C-alpha atoms as a PDB file:
ATOM      1  CA  MET A   1      99.913 100.154 119.599  1.00  0.00           C
ATOM      2  CA  ASP A   2     100.839  98.146 122.152  1.00  0.00           C
ATOM      3  CA  ASN A   3      98.249  98.112 125.926  1.00  0.00           C
ATOM      4  CA  PRO A   4     100.721  99.289 128.532  1.00  0.00           C
ATOM      5  CA  ASP A   5      98.845  96.646 130.879  1.00  0.00           C
ATOM      6  CA  THR A   6     100.157  93.954 128.460  1.00  0.00           C
ATOM      7  CA  GLU A   7     103.410  94.225 128.527  1.00  0.00           C
ATOM      8  CA  HIS A   8     103.435  93.501 131.822  1.00  0.00           C
ATOM      9  CA  GLN A   9     101.862  90.339 132.286  1.00  0.00           C
ATOM     10  CA  ALA A  10     104.255  87.281 131.965  1.00  0.00           C
ATOM     11  CA  PRO A  11     103.304  85.378 127.747  1.00  0.00           C
ATOM     12  CA  ASP A  12     102.470  81.930 129.934  1.00  0.00           C
ATOM     13  CA  SER A  13      99.434  83.459 132.324  1.00  0.00           C
ATOM     14  CA  ARG A  14      96.814  83.090 129.567  1.00  0.00           C
ATOM     15  CA  PRO A  15      97.257  79.948 128.304  1.00  0.00           C
ATOM     16  CA  PHE A  16      97.141  78.940 131.978  1.00  0.00           C
ATOM     17  CA  ARG A  17      94.204  81.441 133.008  1.00  0.00           C
ATOM     18  CA  SER A  18      92.289  79.567 130.222  1.00  0.00           C
ATOM     19  CA  PHE A  19      93.561  76.235 131.237  1.00  0.00           C
ATOM     20  CA  SER A  20      92.483  76.702 134.773  1.00  0.00           C
ATOM     21  CA  LEU A  21      88.868  78.428 133.691  1.00  0.00           C
ATOM     22  CA  ARG A  22      88.302  74.541 131.939  1.00  0.00           C
ATOM     23  CA  ALA A  23      88.942  72.809 134.412  1.00  0.00           C
ATOM     24  CA  THR A  24      87.194  74.102 136.889  1.00  0.00           C
ATOM     25  CA  PHE A  25      84.632  74.065 134.254  1.00  0.00           C
ATOM     26  CA  LEU A  26      84.654  70.247 133.922  1.00  0.00           C
ATOM     27  CA  ILE A  27      85.083  69.767 137.840  1.00  0.00           C
ATOM     28  CA  PHE A  28      81.753  71.443 138.120  1.00  0.00           C
ATOM     29  CA  LEU A  29      80.165  70.252 135.580  1.00  0.00           C
ATOM     30  CA  PHE A  30      81.287  66.437 136.321  1.00  0.00           C
ATOM     31  CA  LEU A  31      80.562  67.380 140.268  1.00  0.00           C
ATOM     32  CA  LEU A  32      76.977  68.789 140.477  1.00  0.00           C
ATOM     33  CA  PRO A  33      75.325  66.078 138.559  1.00  0.00           C
ATOM     34  CA  ALA A  34      77.189  63.460 140.392  1.00  0.00           C
ATOM     35  CA  CYS A  35      75.738  65.366 143.397  1.00  0.00           C
ATOM     36  CA  ALA A  36      71.408  64.398 142.402  1.00  0.00           C
ATOM     37  CA  LEU A  37      71.631  61.878 140.251  1.00  0.00           C
ATOM     38  CA  GLN A  38      68.605  60.191 138.844  1.00  0.00           C
ATOM     39  CA  GLY A  39      67.762  57.455 140.763  1.00  0.00           C
ATOM     40  CA  THR A  40      68.817  58.448 144.347  1.00  0.00           C
ATOM     41  CA  PRO A  41      67.118  59.355 147.070  1.00  0.00           C
ATOM     42  CA  ARG A  42      68.169  62.843 146.742  1.00  0.00           C
ATOM     43  CA  HIS A  43      66.741  63.488 143.627  1.00  0.00           C
ATOM     44  CA  SER A  44      63.516  61.841 144.492  1.00  0.00           C
ATOM     45  CA  LEU A  45      63.386  64.571 147.053  1.00  0.00           C
ATOM     46  CA  GLY A  46      64.491  66.699 144.480  1.00  0.00           C
ATOM     47  CA  GLU A  47      61.264  65.730 142.174  1.00  0.00           C
ATOM     48  CA  LEU A  48      58.766  65.275 145.254  1.00  0.00           C
ATOM     49  CA  ARG A  49      59.668  69.079 146.696  1.00  0.00           C
ATOM     50  CA  ASN A  50      58.701  70.260 142.804  1.00  0.00           C
ATOM     51  CA  ALA A  51      55.446  68.351 142.513  1.00  0.00           C
ATOM     52  CA  LEU A  52      54.544  69.694 145.756  1.00  0.00           C
ATOM     53  CA  LEU A  53      55.640  73.210 144.704  1.00  0.00           C
ATOM     54  CA  ASN A  54      53.699  72.997 141.279  1.00  0.00           C
ATOM     55  CA  HIS A  55      50.894  71.135 143.587  1.00  0.00           C
ATOM     56  CA  ASP A  56      50.810  68.359 141.456  1.00  0.00           C
ATOM     57  CA  ALA A  57      49.641  65.515 143.708  1.00  0.00           C
ATOM     58  CA  ASP A  58      49.774  62.577 141.161  1.00  0.00           C
ATOM     59  CA  GLU A  59      53.784  63.344 140.681  1.00  0.00           C
ATOM     60  CA  ALA A  60      54.156  64.080 144.655  1.00  0.00           C
ATOM     61  CA  LEU A  61      52.665  60.893 145.743  1.00  0.00           C
ATOM     62  CA  LYS A  62      54.591  59.138 142.701  1.00  0.00           C
ATOM     63  CA  TYR A  63      56.958  59.702 145.647  1.00  0.00           C
ATOM     64  CA  VAL A  64      54.877  59.228 148.722  1.00  0.00           C
ATOM     65  CA  ASP A  65      53.534  56.045 149.950  1.00  0.00           C
ATOM     66  CA  VAL A  66      50.659  57.137 152.100  1.00  0.00           C
ATOM     67  CA  GLU A  67      49.591  53.377 152.569  1.00  0.00           C
ATOM     68  CA  SER A  68      52.838  52.431 153.808  1.00  0.00           C
ATOM     69  CA  ILE A  69      53.197  55.391 155.981  1.00  0.00           C
ATOM     70  CA  VAL A  70      49.697  54.372 157.706  1.00  0.00           C
ATOM     71  CA  ASP A  71      51.003  50.510 158.163  1.00  0.00           C
ATOM     72  CA  HIS A  72      54.088  51.894 159.490  1.00  0.00           C
ATOM     73  CA  MET A  73      52.414  54.688 162.291  1.00  0.00           C
ATOM     74  CA  VAL A  74      49.540  52.138 163.356  1.00  0.00           C
ATOM     75  CA  GLU A  75      51.945  49.011 163.788  1.00  0.00           C
ATOM     76  CA  ASP A  76      54.517  51.395 165.496  1.00  0.00           C
ATOM     77  CA  ALA A  77      51.365  52.316 168.142  1.00  0.00           C
ATOM     78  CA  PHE A  78      50.290  48.336 168.848  1.00  0.00           C
ATOM     79  CA  ARG A  79      54.071  47.610 169.533  1.00  0.00           C
ATOM     80  CA  THR A  80      53.908  50.760 171.933  1.00  0.00           C
ATOM     81  CA  LYS A  81      51.275  49.470 173.393  1.00  0.00           C
ATOM     82  CA  GLU A  82      52.229  45.811 173.906  1.00  0.00           C
ATOM     83  CA  SER A  83      55.200  46.840 175.542  1.00  0.00           C
ATOM     84  CA  SER A  84      53.175  48.270 177.788  1.00  0.00           C
ATOM     85  CA  ALA A  85      50.221  45.564 178.473  1.00  0.00           C
ATOM     86  CA  LYS A  86      50.648  44.252 181.939  1.00  0.00           C
ATOM     87  CA  THR A  87      47.636  42.013 181.781  1.00  0.00           C
ATOM     88  CA  ASP A  88      45.862  39.107 180.124  1.00  0.00           C
ATOM     89  CA  LEU A  89      42.959  41.755 179.608  1.00  0.00           C
ATOM     90  CA  ASP A  90      45.139  44.592 178.079  1.00  0.00           C
ATOM     91  CA  ALA A  91      46.650  41.820 175.320  1.00  0.00           C
ATOM     92  CA  LEU A  92      42.784  41.183 174.592  1.00  0.00           C
ATOM     93  CA  ARG A  93      41.917  44.717 173.829  1.00  0.00           C
ATOM     94  CA  LEU A  94      45.427  44.958 172.203  1.00  0.00           C
ATOM     95  CA  ALA A  95      44.141  41.881 170.029  1.00  0.00           C
ATOM     96  CA  LEU A  96      40.500  43.538 169.635  1.00  0.00           C
ATOM     97  CA  GLY A  97      41.776  46.570 168.737  1.00  0.00           C
ATOM     98  CA  ARG A  98      44.339  44.737 166.022  1.00  0.00           C
ATOM     99  CA  SER A  99      41.324  43.097 164.237  1.00  0.00           C
ATOM    100  CA  VAL A 100      39.622  46.279 164.254  1.00  0.00           C
ATOM    101  CA  ALA A 101      41.974  48.213 162.768  1.00  0.00           C
ATOM    102  CA  SER A 102      42.736  45.639 160.224  1.00  0.00           C
ATOM    103  CA  ALA A 103      39.122  45.873 159.000  1.00  0.00           C
ATOM    104  CA  MET A 104      38.473  50.179 159.179  1.00  0.00           C
ATOM    105  CA  LEU A 105      42.672  50.297 157.778  1.00  0.00           C
ATOM    106  CA  PRO A 106      41.669  50.166 154.263  1.00  0.00           C
ATOM    107  CA  GLN A 107      39.118  52.819 154.188  1.00  0.00           C
ATOM    108  CA  ALA A 108      41.073  55.109 156.655  1.00  0.00           C
ATOM    109  CA  LYS A 109      44.450  55.008 154.422  1.00  0.00           C
ATOM    110  CA  ALA A 110      41.876  56.002 151.575  1.00  0.00           C
ATOM    111  CA  LEU A 111      40.194  58.765 153.418  1.00  0.00           C
ATOM    112  CA  ILE A 112      43.855  59.913 154.728  1.00  0.00           C
ATOM    113  CA  ARG A 113      45.404  59.736 150.941  1.00  0.00           C
ATOM    114  CA  LYS A 114      42.409  61.627 149.639  1.00  0.00           C
ATOM    115  CA  GLY A 115      43.539  64.253 152.028  1.00  0.00           C
ATOM    116  CA  VAL A 116      46.894  64.651 151.377  1.00  0.00           C
ATOM    117  CA  TYR A 117      45.771  65.235 148.205  1.00  0.00           C
ATOM    118  CA  ALA A 118      43.389  67.564 148.159  1.00  0.00           C
ATOM    119  CA  ALA A 119      46.215  69.369 150.654  1.00  0.00           C
ATOM    120  CA  ILE A 120      48.810  68.830 147.458  1.00  0.00           C
ATOM    121  CA  GLU A 121      46.521  70.248 145.537  1.00  0.00           C
ATOM    122  CA  SER A 122      44.999  73.576 148.078  1.00  0.00           C
ATOM    123  CA  ASP A 123      46.099  77.373 147.822  1.00  0.00           C
ATOM    124  CA  ASP A 124      48.231  76.544 150.895  1.00  0.00           C
ATOM    125  CA  GLN A 125      45.787  78.044 153.364  1.00  0.00           C
ATOM    126  CA  LEU A 126      47.957  76.526 156.350  1.00  0.00           C
ATOM    127  CA  GLY A 127      51.291  77.760 154.616  1.00  0.00           C
ATOM    128  CA  TYR A 128      53.155  74.339 154.616  1.00  0.00           C
ATOM    129  CA  PHE A 129      54.625  75.259 150.947  1.00  0.00           C
ATOM    130  CA  SER A 130      56.665  78.357 152.212  1.00  0.00           C
ATOM    131  CA  ARG A 131      58.380  76.057 154.300  1.00  0.00           C
ATOM    132  CA  ILE A 132      59.083  73.856 151.440  1.00  0.00           C
ATOM    133  CA  ARG A 133      59.781  76.702 149.110  1.00  0.00           C
ATOM    134  CA  ALA A 134      62.214  77.630 151.489  1.00  0.00           C
ATOM    135  CA  SER A 135      63.885  74.636 152.043  1.00  0.00           C
ATOM    136  CA  SER A 136      66.354  72.501 150.073  1.00  0.00           C
ATOM    137  CA  VAL A 137      67.131  68.875 149.576  1.00  0.00           C
ATOM    138  CA  TRP A 138      70.824  69.661 150.356  1.00  0.00           C
ATOM    139  CA  TYR A 139      69.885  70.098 153.967  1.00  0.00           C
ATOM    140  CA  LEU A 140      68.784  66.465 154.342  1.00  0.00           C
ATOM    141  CA  SER A 141      71.149  63.574 156.074  1.00  0.00           C
ATOM    142  CA  ILE A 142      70.840  61.094 153.616  1.00  0.00           C
ATOM    143  CA  GLU A 143      72.568  57.573 154.612  1.00  0.00           C
ATOM    144  CA  GLU A 144      71.379  54.802 152.124  1.00  0.00           C
ATOM    145  CA  GLU A 145      72.050  50.989 152.602  1.00  0.00           C
ATOM    146  CA  GLY A 146      71.006  49.288 149.884  1.00  0.00           C
ATOM    147  CA  ASP A 147      67.581  49.614 148.540  1.00  0.00           C
ATOM    148  CA  THR A 148      66.819  51.703 151.872  1.00  0.00           C
ATOM    149  CA  ALA A 149      67.656  55.178 152.720  1.00  0.00           C
ATOM    150  CA  VAL A 150      67.103  57.225 155.967  1.00  0.00           C
ATOM    151  CA  VAL A 151      66.610  60.897 155.693  1.00  0.00           C
ATOM    152  CA  THR A 152      67.411  63.627 158.599  1.00  0.00           C
ATOM    153  CA  PRO A 153      66.470  67.044 158.373  1.00  0.00           C
ATOM    154  CA  ARG A 154      70.267  68.416 159.216  1.00  0.00           C
ATOM    155  CA  GLY A 155      69.906  69.856 162.520  1.00  0.00           C
ATOM    156  CA  ASP A 156      66.744  68.718 163.049  1.00  0.00           C
ATOM    157  CA  ASP A 157      66.149  65.045 164.349  1.00  0.00           C
ATOM    158  CA  LYS A 158      62.673  65.407 166.007  1.00  0.00           C
ATOM    159  CA  VAL A 159      61.286  63.374 162.151  1.00  0.00           C
ATOM    160  CA  ARG A 160      63.241  61.379 160.169  1.00  0.00           C
ATOM    161  CA  PHE A 161      62.007  59.190 157.233  1.00  0.00           C
ATOM    162  CA  LYS A 162      62.678  56.159 155.659  1.00  0.00           C
ATOM    163  CA  MET A 163      63.076  56.074 151.669  1.00  0.00           C
ATOM    164  CA  GLU A 164      62.590  52.506 149.116  1.00  0.00           C
ATOM    165  CA  ARG A 165      63.611  52.051 145.798  1.00  0.00           C
ATOM    166  CA  ALA A 166      60.841  51.530 143.890  1.00  0.00           C
ATOM    167  CA  ASP A 167      60.975  48.773 141.236  1.00  0.00           C
ATOM    168  CA  LYS A 168      60.623  51.717 138.188  1.00  0.00           C
ATOM    169  CA  GLY A 169      64.457  53.140 140.032  1.00  0.00           C
ATOM    170  CA  TYR A 170      63.232  56.464 142.122  1.00  0.00           C
ATOM    171  CA  TRP A 171      62.804  56.587 145.401  1.00  0.00           C
ATOM    172  CA  ARG A 172      59.318  56.392 147.857  1.00  0.00           C
ATOM    173  CA  ILE A 173      59.472  57.855 151.302  1.00  0.00           C
ATOM    174  CA  THR A 174      57.580  54.656 153.493  1.00  0.00           C
ATOM    175  CA  GLU A 175      57.620  55.556 157.132  1.00  0.00           C
ATOM    176  CA  LEU A 176      58.334  57.976 159.466  1.00  0.00           C
ATOM    177  CA  ILE A 177      60.932  57.359 162.398  1.00  0.00           C
ATOM    178  CA  LEU A 178      59.937  60.011 165.459  1.00  0.00           C
ATOM    179  CA  LYS A 179      62.567  60.866 168.043  1.00  0.00           C
ATOM    180  CA  ASN A 180      60.490  59.665 170.922  1.00  0.00           C
ATOM    181  CA  ARG A 181      60.758  55.934 168.721  1.00  0.00           C
ATOM    182  CA  LEU A 182      64.210  55.894 168.122  1.00  0.00           C
END
């Protein structure tokens, strides 16, 4: 006995529905991975997020170049001071400061890297990981140009960061760009 609901249905609707479901699935299948393809800044940020949430410092530091970030921050600080230097004495102080900084920088980088490593592996008493857990790489605006990319959280441009492609194909954060420098 036939079901009364199927008697009123057009004979071609099932194949059409099946085709549209398949087409939608295929489109979804091709578009989803394209958004975070391996070797893109977004994929590297997703991997960094996972490493941070898993407290895997070795994996996380693969995507964060602490040494380069420290170098850029020190250089930016000296550049800012040089732009406001007015006398020869100011220039002499800056030259002395640069030489002291260059002598201390290797030890400072090692200490900072050790601190970052410990923070990643910590039990998160300061609550950093709850913010990371709630975040998504899809809320980042990424402007990619060649082997560099500038990443900005959408709706919050106070801190942006620069990424560079590593030789192994993934991307690393190499520089913080603070709004007062823009």
